[in-house]
PDB file of N, CA and C in Angstrom:
ATOM      1  N   MET A   1     132.014 114.176-113.562  1.00  0.00           N
ATOM      2  CA  MET A   1     133.420 113.828-113.492  1.00  0.00           C
ATOM      3  C   MET A   1     134.212 115.092-113.155  1.00  0.00           C
ATOM      4  N   THR A   2     135.011 115.026-112.110  1.00  0.00           N
ATOM      5  CA  THR A   2     135.849 116.143-111.726  1.00  0.00           C
ATOM      6  C   THR A   2     137.279 115.858-112.157  1.00  0.00           C
ATOM      7  N   VAL A   3     137.883 116.829-112.793  1.00  0.00           N
ATOM      8  CA  VAL A   3     139.260 116.697-113.263  1.00  0.00           C
ATOM      9  C   VAL A   3     140.032 117.900-112.744  1.00  0.00           C
ATOM     10  N   SER A   4     141.190 117.638-112.151  1.00  0.00           N
ATOM     11  CA  SER A   4     142.029 118.733-111.673  1.00  0.00           C
ATOM     12  C   SER A   4     143.177 118.964-112.653  1.00  0.00           C
ATOM     13  N   THR A   5     143.868 120.067-112.463  1.00  0.00           N
ATOM     14  CA  THR A   5     145.025 120.343-113.315  1.00  0.00           C
ATOM     15  C   THR A   5     146.078 119.260-113.137  1.00  0.00           C
ATOM     16  N   ASN A   6     146.140 118.642-111.954  1.00  0.00           N
ATOM     17  CA  ASN A   6     147.087 117.551-111.719  1.00  0.00           C
ATOM     18  C   ASN A   6     146.758 116.324-112.557  1.00  0.00           C
ATOM     19  N   ASP A   7     145.479 116.142-112.890  1.00  0.00           N
ATOM     20  CA  ASP A   7     145.064 115.031-113.748  1.00  0.00           C
ATOM     21  C   ASP A   7     145.396 115.319-115.211  1.00  0.00           C
ATOM     22  N   VAL A   8     145.254 116.557-115.603  1.00  0.00           N
ATOM     23  CA  VAL A   8     145.399 116.950-117.000  1.00  0.00           C
ATOM     24  C   VAL A   8     146.862 117.157-117.398  1.00  0.00           C
ATOM     25  N   THR A   9     147.657 117.703-116.496  1.00  0.00           N
ATOM     26  CA  THR A   9     149.041 118.069-116.803  1.00  0.00           C
ATOM     27  C   THR A   9     149.862 116.926-117.397  1.00  0.00           C
ATOM     28  N   PRO A  10     149.869 115.720-116.811  1.00  0.00           N
ATOM     29  CA  PRO A  10     150.668 114.644-117.417  1.00  0.00           C
ATOM     30  C   PRO A  10     150.219 114.278-118.832  1.00  0.00           C
ATOM     31  N   GLU A  11     148.927 114.371-119.089  1.00  0.00           N
ATOM     32  CA  GLU A  11     148.391 114.071-120.427  1.00  0.00           C
ATOM     33  C   GLU A  11     148.919 115.084-121.447  1.00  0.00           C
ATOM     34  N   ILE A  12     148.898 116.359-121.079  1.00  0.00           N
ATOM     35  CA  ILE A  12     149.375 117.408-121.972  1.00  0.00           C
ATOM     36  C   ILE A  12     150.878 117.259-122.200  1.00  0.00           C
ATOM     37  N   LYS A  13     151.619 117.073-121.118  1.00  0.00           N
ATOM     38  CA  LYS A  13     153.071 116.928-121.232  1.00  0.00           C
ATOM     39  C   LYS A  13     153.435 115.716-122.089  1.00  0.00           C
ATOM     40  N   GLY A  14     152.696 114.621-121.930  1.00  0.00           N
ATOM     41  CA  GLY A  14     152.941 113.424-122.730  1.00  0.00           C
ATOM     42  C   GLY A  14     152.662 113.664-124.202  1.00  0.00           C
ATOM     43  N   TRP A  15     151.569 114.362-124.497  1.00  0.00           N
ATOM     44  CA  TRP A  15     151.233 114.661-125.889  1.00  0.00           C
ATOM     45  C   TRP A  15     152.301 115.539-126.510  1.00  0.00           C
ATOM     46  N   LEU A  16     152.728 116.568-125.793  1.00  0.00           N
ATOM     47  CA  LEU A  16     153.771 117.454-126.314  1.00  0.00           C
ATOM     48  C   LEU A  16     155.066 116.688-126.556  1.00  0.00           C
ATOM     49  N   LYS A  17     155.427 115.833-125.627  1.00  0.00           N
ATOM     50  CA  LYS A  17     156.664 115.039-125.748  1.00  0.00           C
ATOM     51  C   LYS A  17     156.595 114.124-126.973  1.00  0.00           C
ATOM     52  N   ASP A  18     155.444 113.507-127.193  1.00  0.00           N
ATOM     53  CA  ASP A  18     155.285 112.560-128.299  1.00  0.00           C
ATOM     54  C   ASP A  18     155.093 113.238-129.657  1.00  0.00           C
ATOM     55  N   ASN A  19     154.489 114.421-129.668  1.00  0.00           N
ATOM     56  CA  ASN A  19     154.072 115.027-130.930  1.00  0.00           C
ATOM     57  C   ASN A  19     154.763 116.334-131.306  1.00  0.00           C
ATOM     58  N   VAL A  20     155.456 116.952-130.362  1.00  0.00           N
ATOM     59  CA  VAL A  20     155.997 118.288-130.629  1.00  0.00           C
ATOM     60  C   VAL A  20     157.498 118.395-130.376  1.00  0.00           C
ATOM     61  N   THR A  21     157.954 117.933-129.238  1.00  0.00           N
ATOM     62  CA  THR A  21     159.328 118.234-128.813  1.00  0.00           C
ATOM     63  C   THR A  21     160.335 117.146-129.134  1.00  0.00           C
ATOM     64  N   GLY A  22     159.922 116.086-129.790  1.00  0.00           N
ATOM     65  CA  GLY A  22     160.859 115.020-130.124  1.00  0.00           C
ATOM     66  C   GLY A  22     161.396 114.290-128.906  1.00  0.00           C
ATOM     67  N   GLY A  23     160.567 114.148-127.890  1.00  0.00           N
ATOM     68  CA  GLY A  23     160.959 113.397-126.701  1.00  0.00           C
ATOM     69  C   GLY A  23     161.462 114.245-125.550  1.00  0.00           C
ATOM     70  N   ARG A  24     161.594 115.553-125.767  1.00  0.00           N
ATOM     71  CA  ARG A  24     162.057 116.430-124.688  1.00  0.00           C
ATOM     72  C   ARG A  24     160.911 116.743-123.735  1.00  0.00           C
ATOM     73  N   GLU A  25     161.201 116.658-122.429  1.00  0.00           N
ATOM     74  CA  GLU A  25     160.220 117.032-121.419  1.00  0.00           C
ATOM     75  C   GLU A  25     159.991 118.537-121.455  1.00  0.00           C
ATOM     76  N   VAL A  26     158.793 118.946-121.171  1.00  0.00           N
ATOM     77  CA  VAL A  26     158.428 120.358-121.141  1.00  0.00           C
ATOM     78  C   VAL A  26     158.058 120.715-119.709  1.00  0.00           C
ATOM     79  N   ALA A  27     158.625 121.796-119.197  1.00  0.00           N
ATOM     80  CA  ALA A  27     158.264 122.280-117.863  1.00  0.00           C
ATOM     81  C   ALA A  27     156.843 122.835-117.896  1.00  0.00           C
ATOM     82  N   THR A  28     156.136 122.732-116.788  1.00  0.00           N
ATOM     83  CA  THR A  28     154.746 123.188-116.762  1.00  0.00           C
ATOM     84  C   THR A  28     154.612 124.687-116.991  1.00  0.00           C
ATOM     85  N   ASP A  29     155.668 125.443-116.677  1.00  0.00           N
ATOM     86  CA  ASP A  29     155.592 126.894-116.849  1.00  0.00           C
ATOM     87  C   ASP A  29     156.391 127.400-118.053  1.00  0.00           C
ATOM     88  N   GLU A  30     156.880 126.488-118.886  1.00  0.00           N
ATOM     89  CA  GLU A  30     157.639 126.903-120.076  1.00  0.00           C
ATOM     90  C   GLU A  30     156.716 127.639-121.042  1.00  0.00           C
ATOM     91  N   PRO A  31     157.134 128.817-121.526  1.00  0.00           N
ATOM     92  CA  PRO A  31     156.299 129.578-122.463  1.00  0.00           C
ATOM     93  C   PRO A  31     156.291 128.920-123.853  1.00  0.00           C
ATOM     94  N   LEU A  32     155.268 128.162-124.141  1.00  0.00           N
ATOM     95  CA  LEU A  32     155.222 127.336-125.351  1.00  0.00           C
ATOM     96  C   LEU A  32     155.111 128.144-126.635  1.00  0.00           C
ATOM     97  N   ILE A  33     154.240 129.121-126.647  1.00  0.00           N
ATOM     98  CA  ILE A  33     154.035 129.917-127.855  1.00  0.00           C
ATOM     99  C   ILE A  33     155.148 130.948-127.994  1.00  0.00           C
ATOM    100  N   GLU A  34     155.464 131.607-126.901  1.00  0.00           N
ATOM    101  CA  GLU A  34     156.495 132.656-126.906  1.00  0.00           C
ATOM    102  C   GLU A  34     157.843 132.123-127.401  1.00  0.00           C
ATOM    103  N   ARG A  35     158.186 130.896-127.026  1.00  0.00           N
ATOM    104  CA  ARG A  35     159.467 130.306-127.427  1.00  0.00           C
ATOM    105  C   ARG A  35     159.380 129.512-128.725  1.00  0.00           C
ATOM    106  N   GLY A  36     158.221 129.481-129.336  1.00  0.00           N
ATOM    107  CA  GLY A  36     158.072 128.782-130.606  1.00  0.00           C
ATOM    108  C   GLY A  36     158.025 127.271-130.488  1.00  0.00           C
ATOM    109  N   VAL A  37     157.758 126.777-129.288  1.00  0.00           N
ATOM    110  CA  VAL A  37     157.652 125.330-129.085  1.00  0.00           C
ATOM    111  C   VAL A  37     156.382 124.813-129.749  1.00  0.00           C
ATOM    112  N   LEU A  38     155.305 125.561-129.624  1.00  0.00           N
ATOM    113  CA  LEU A  38     153.999 125.152-130.129  1.00  0.00           C
ATOM    114  C   LEU A  38     153.599 126.077-131.277  1.00  0.00           C
ATOM    115  N   THR A  39     153.469 125.519-132.490  1.00  0.00           N
ATOM    116  CA  THR A  39     153.029 126.297-133.648  1.00  0.00           C
ATOM    117  C   THR A  39     151.505 126.354-133.683  1.00  0.00           C
ATOM    118  N   SER A  40     150.972 127.154-134.568  1.00  0.00           N
ATOM    119  CA  SER A  40     149.511 127.263-134.670  1.00  0.00           C
ATOM    120  C   SER A  40     148.893 125.930-135.096  1.00  0.00           C
ATOM    121  N   LEU A  41     149.523 125.222-136.009  1.00  0.00           N
ATOM    122  CA  LEU A  41     149.006 123.915-136.434  1.00  0.00           C
ATOM    123  C   LEU A  41     149.047 122.913-135.276  1.00  0.00           C
ATOM    124  N   GLN A  42     150.140 122.908-134.532  1.00  0.00           N
ATOM    125  CA  GLN A  42     150.247 122.006-133.392  1.00  0.00           C
ATOM    126  C   GLN A  42     149.231 122.356-132.312  1.00  0.00           C
ATOM    127  N   THR A  43     148.923 123.626-132.175  1.00  0.00           N
ATOM    128  CA  THR A  43     147.907 124.042-131.203  1.00  0.00           C
ATOM    129  C   THR A  43     146.553 123.460-131.583  1.00  0.00           C
ATOM    130  N   VAL A  44     146.234 123.504-132.859  1.00  0.00           N
ATOM    131  CA  VAL A  44     144.967 122.930-133.339  1.00  0.00           C
ATOM    132  C   VAL A  44     144.958 121.412-133.091  1.00  0.00           C
ATOM    133  N   GLU A  45     146.065 120.743-133.363  1.00  0.00           N
ATOM    134  CA  GLU A  45     146.153 119.300-133.116  1.00  0.00           C
ATOM    135  C   GLU A  45     146.010 118.989-131.630  1.00  0.00           C
ATOM    136  N   LEU A  46     146.610 119.817-130.784  1.00  0.00           N
ATOM    137  CA  LEU A  46     146.482 119.636-129.339  1.00  0.00           C
ATOM    138  C   LEU A  46     145.035 119.821-128.902  1.00  0.00           C
ATOM    139  N   VAL A  47     144.370 120.819-129.442  1.00  0.00           N
ATOM    140  CA  VAL A  47     142.962 121.057-129.121  1.00  0.00           C
ATOM    141  C   VAL A  47     142.123 119.836-129.497  1.00  0.00           C
ATOM    142  N   MET A  48     142.366 119.271-130.667  1.00  0.00           N
ATOM    143  CA  MET A  48     141.621 118.082-131.096  1.00  0.00           C
ATOM    144  C   MET A  48     141.851 116.931-130.113  1.00  0.00           C
ATOM    145  N   PHE A  49     143.086 116.745-129.676  1.00  0.00           N
ATOM    146  CA  PHE A  49     143.408 115.714-128.695  1.00  0.00           C
ATOM    147  C   PHE A  49     142.665 115.968-127.377  1.00  0.00           C
ATOM    148  N   LEU A  50     142.715 117.197-126.888  1.00  0.00           N
ATOM    149  CA  LEU A  50     142.075 117.530-125.613  1.00  0.00           C
ATOM    150  C   LEU A  50     140.558 117.369-125.686  1.00  0.00           C
ATOM    151  N   GLU A  51     139.977 117.786-126.799  1.00  0.00           N
ATOM    152  CA  GLU A  51     138.523 117.660-126.955  1.00  0.00           C
ATOM    153  C   GLU A  51     138.104 116.197-126.945  1.00  0.00           C
ATOM    154  N   GLU A  52     138.857 115.363-127.649  1.00  0.00           N
ATOM    155  CA  GLU A  52     138.537 113.942-127.700  1.00  0.00           C
ATOM    156  C   GLU A  52     138.806 113.260-126.357  1.00  0.00           C
ATOM    157  N   ARG A  53     139.939 113.549-125.760  1.00  0.00           N
ATOM    158  CA  ARG A  53     140.353 112.882-124.524  1.00  0.00           C
ATOM    159  C   ARG A  53     139.487 113.260-123.325  1.00  0.00           C
ATOM    160  N   PHE A  54     139.103 114.548-123.240  1.00  0.00           N
ATOM    161  CA  PHE A  54     138.388 115.021-122.061  1.00  0.00           C
ATOM    162  C   PHE A  54     136.927 115.379-122.329  1.00  0.00           C
ATOM    163  N   GLY A  55     136.466 115.209-123.567  1.00  0.00           N
ATOM    164  CA  GLY A  55     135.062 115.469-123.878  1.00  0.00           C
ATOM    165  C   GLY A  55     134.675 116.929-123.711  1.00  0.00           C
ATOM    166  N   ILE A  56     135.569 117.827-124.094  1.00  0.00           N
ATOM    167  CA  ILE A  56     135.308 119.258-123.969  1.00  0.00           C
ATOM    168  C   ILE A  56     135.252 119.886-125.350  1.00  0.00           C
ATOM    169  N   THR A  57     134.845 121.153-125.391  1.00  0.00           N
ATOM    170  CA  THR A  57     134.901 121.935-126.617  1.00  0.00           C
ATOM    171  C   THR A  57     135.678 123.202-126.321  1.00  0.00           C
ATOM    172  N   VAL A  58     136.715 123.438-127.104  1.00  0.00           N
ATOM    173  CA  VAL A  58     137.499 124.660-126.991  1.00  0.00           C
ATOM    174  C   VAL A  58     137.003 125.601-128.081  1.00  0.00           C
ATOM    175  N   GLU A  59     136.521 126.756-127.665  1.00  0.00           N
ATOM    176  CA  GLU A  59     135.976 127.743-128.605  1.00  0.00           C
ATOM    177  C   GLU A  59     137.117 128.470-129.317  1.00  0.00           C
ATOM    178  N   ASP A  60     136.828 128.965-130.510  1.00  0.00           N
ATOM    179  CA  ASP A  60     137.832 129.688-131.301  1.00  0.00           C
ATOM    180  C   ASP A  60     138.444 130.853-130.530  1.00  0.00           C
ATOM    181  N   ASP A  61     137.609 131.577-129.782  1.00  0.00           N
ATOM    182  CA  ASP A  61     138.128 132.746-129.062  1.00  0.00           C
ATOM    183  C   ASP A  61     138.986 132.361-127.853  1.00  0.00           C
ATOM    184  N   GLU A  62     139.059 131.082-127.534  1.00  0.00           N
ATOM    185  CA  GLU A  62     139.918 130.612-126.441  1.00  0.00           C
ATOM    186  C   GLU A  62     141.306 130.203-126.935  1.00  0.00           C
ATOM    187  N   LEU A  63     141.486 130.176-128.248  1.00  0.00           N
ATOM    188  CA  LEU A  63     142.769 129.789-128.833  1.00  0.00           C
ATOM    189  C   LEU A  63     143.734 130.973-128.845  1.00  0.00           C
ATOM    190  N   ASP A  64     144.234 131.304-127.661  1.00  0.00           N
ATOM    191  CA  ASP A  64     145.166 132.415-127.557  1.00  0.00           C
ATOM    192  C   ASP A  64     146.275 132.069-126.567  1.00  0.00           C
ATOM    193  N   GLU A  65     147.239 132.957-126.483  1.00  0.00           N
ATOM    194  CA  GLU A  65     148.396 132.712-125.621  1.00  0.00           C
ATOM    195  C   GLU A  65     148.005 132.668-124.146  1.00  0.00           C
ATOM    196  N   GLU A  66     146.945 133.353-123.792  1.00  0.00           N
ATOM    197  CA  GLU A  66     146.480 133.336-122.403  1.00  0.00           C
ATOM    198  C   GLU A  66     146.089 131.917-121.976  1.00  0.00           C
ATOM    199  N   ASN A  67     145.474 131.163-122.865  1.00  0.00           N
ATOM    200  CA  ASN A  67     145.030 129.800-122.556  1.00  0.00           C
ATOM    201  C   ASN A  67     146.025 128.725-122.975  1.00  0.00           C
ATOM    202  N   PHE A  68     146.870 129.013-123.968  1.00  0.00           N
ATOM    203  CA  PHE A  68     147.780 128.003-124.502  1.00  0.00           C
ATOM    204  C   PHE A  68     149.248 128.413-124.379  1.00  0.00           C
ATOM    205  N   GLY A  69     149.543 129.327-123.470  1.00  0.00           N
ATOM    206  CA  GLY A  69     150.898 129.817-123.294  1.00  0.00           C
ATOM    207  C   GLY A  69     151.834 128.853-122.594  1.00  0.00           C
ATOM    208  N   SER A  70     151.280 127.939-121.792  1.00  0.00           N
ATOM    209  CA  SER A  70     152.105 126.966-121.068  1.00  0.00           C
ATOM    210  C   SER A  70     151.255 125.746-120.741  1.00  0.00           C
ATOM    211  N   VAL A  71     151.898 124.684-120.324  1.00  0.00           N
ATOM    212  CA  VAL A  71     151.166 123.485-119.908  1.00  0.00           C
ATOM    213  C   VAL A  71     150.216 123.852-118.769  1.00  0.00           C
ATOM    214  N   GLU A  72     150.688 124.703-117.868  1.00  0.00           N
ATOM    215  CA  GLU A  72     149.897 125.153-116.725  1.00  0.00           C
ATOM    216  C   GLU A  72     148.587 125.793-117.147  1.00  0.00           C
ATOM    217  N   THR A  73     148.658 126.722-118.111  1.00  0.00           N
ATOM    218  CA  THR A  73     147.450 127.427-118.533  1.00  0.00           C
ATOM    219  C   THR A  73     146.521 126.517-119.333  1.00  0.00           C
ATOM    220  N   ILE A  74     147.091 125.611-120.113  1.00  0.00           N
ATOM    221  CA  ILE A  74     146.270 124.658-120.870  1.00  0.00           C
ATOM    222  C   ILE A  74     145.531 123.748-119.895  1.00  0.00           C
ATOM    223  N   ALA A  75     146.238 123.245-118.887  1.00  0.00           N
ATOM    224  CA  ALA A  75     145.624 122.362-117.885  1.00  0.00           C
ATOM    225  C   ALA A  75     144.506 123.083-117.146  1.00  0.00           C
ATOM    226  N   GLY A  76     144.715 124.351-116.838  1.00  0.00           N
ATOM    227  CA  GLY A  76     143.686 125.139-116.167  1.00  0.00           C
ATOM    228  C   GLY A  76     142.435 125.302-117.024  1.00  0.00           C
ATOM    229  N   LEU A  77     142.646 125.539-118.313  1.00  0.00           N
ATOM    230  CA  LEU A  77     141.513 125.665-119.233  1.00  0.00           C
ATOM    231  C   LEU A  77     140.718 124.367-119.282  1.00  0.00           C
ATOM    232  N   VAL A  78     141.427 123.253-119.460  1.00  0.00           N
ATOM    233  CA  VAL A  78     140.748 121.952-119.566  1.00  0.00           C
ATOM    234  C   VAL A  78     140.022 121.608-118.260  1.00  0.00           C
ATOM    235  N   ALA A  79     140.696 121.757-117.139  1.00  0.00           N
ATOM    236  CA  ALA A  79     140.088 121.425-115.841  1.00  0.00           C
ATOM    237  C   ALA A  79     138.843 122.278-115.600  1.00  0.00           C
ATOM    238  N   GLY A  80     138.896 123.546-116.001  1.00  0.00           N
ATOM    239  CA  GLY A  80     137.748 124.420-115.846  1.00  0.00           C
ATOM    240  C   GLY A  80     136.560 124.014-116.704  1.00  0.00           C
ATOM    241  N   LYS A  81     136.830 123.455-117.868  1.00  0.00           N
ATOM    242  CA  LYS A  81     135.766 123.023-118.774  1.00  0.00           C
ATOM    243  C   LYS A  81     135.147 121.697-118.351  1.00  0.00           C
ATOM    244  N   VAL A  82     135.947 120.838-117.733  1.00  0.00           N
ATOM    245  CA  VAL A  82     135.441 119.526-117.320  1.00  0.00           C
ATOM    246  C   VAL A  82     134.632 119.640-116.044  1.00  0.00           C
ATOM    247  N   ALA A  83     134.990 120.586-115.190  1.00  0.00           N
ATOM    248  CA  ALA A  83     134.335 120.726-113.881  1.00  0.00           C
ATOM    249  C   ALA A  83     132.867 121.064-114.004  1.00  0.00           C
TER     250      ALA A  83
END
């Protein structure tokens, strides 16, 4: 199964809208951690969602701002793991 960032991005944005931002849309390049949009607990919940939804495993050392700093970087991580 091949998944692109275009496939993953709407899923991530939808999860954030439903579970984090109270219905506010998030730009793909918005700095989620830097601006305090995504807390550490919410990051763990997002990882659980992504692992279940896309059948991937996110390693502990991947839980950093480089991979979870924006919707863009999260989508890239997921797409890279599914490919």
